[in-house]
Amino acid sequence: MSVDVERDALRQELFAMVSRSTGGALESGESFGVATEFPDTGMTSISYLELIDGLETKYGVVVDLESDGLRLTSIDKVVDFLLEQGVAA
């Protein structure tokens, strides 16, 4: 699978995860885009932690909230992180 196809597949999965972690408050494509920073969407810290927990569970990665968590602030930044970790959609 090409990197662009992989990136798009991960983006779609992440939009769904963000929607679930916010109880549907942020629907994909309506409230935010791939580069929109999570704090700008009104995502709560609890929703963010639920997203991080979902990433760790679904993809088997470990997110260090003190270092990684500070840079995982948008869909594209999370996709970059997952690709760096060798995750495939």
Foldseek 3Di string as FASTA:
>chain_A
DDPVVQLVVLLVVLQVLLCVLQVNLRHPPPQDDQPDFQVVSVQDPSSLVSSQVVCCVPFVDDADCVPRVVQPGGNNSVSVVCVVVVGGD
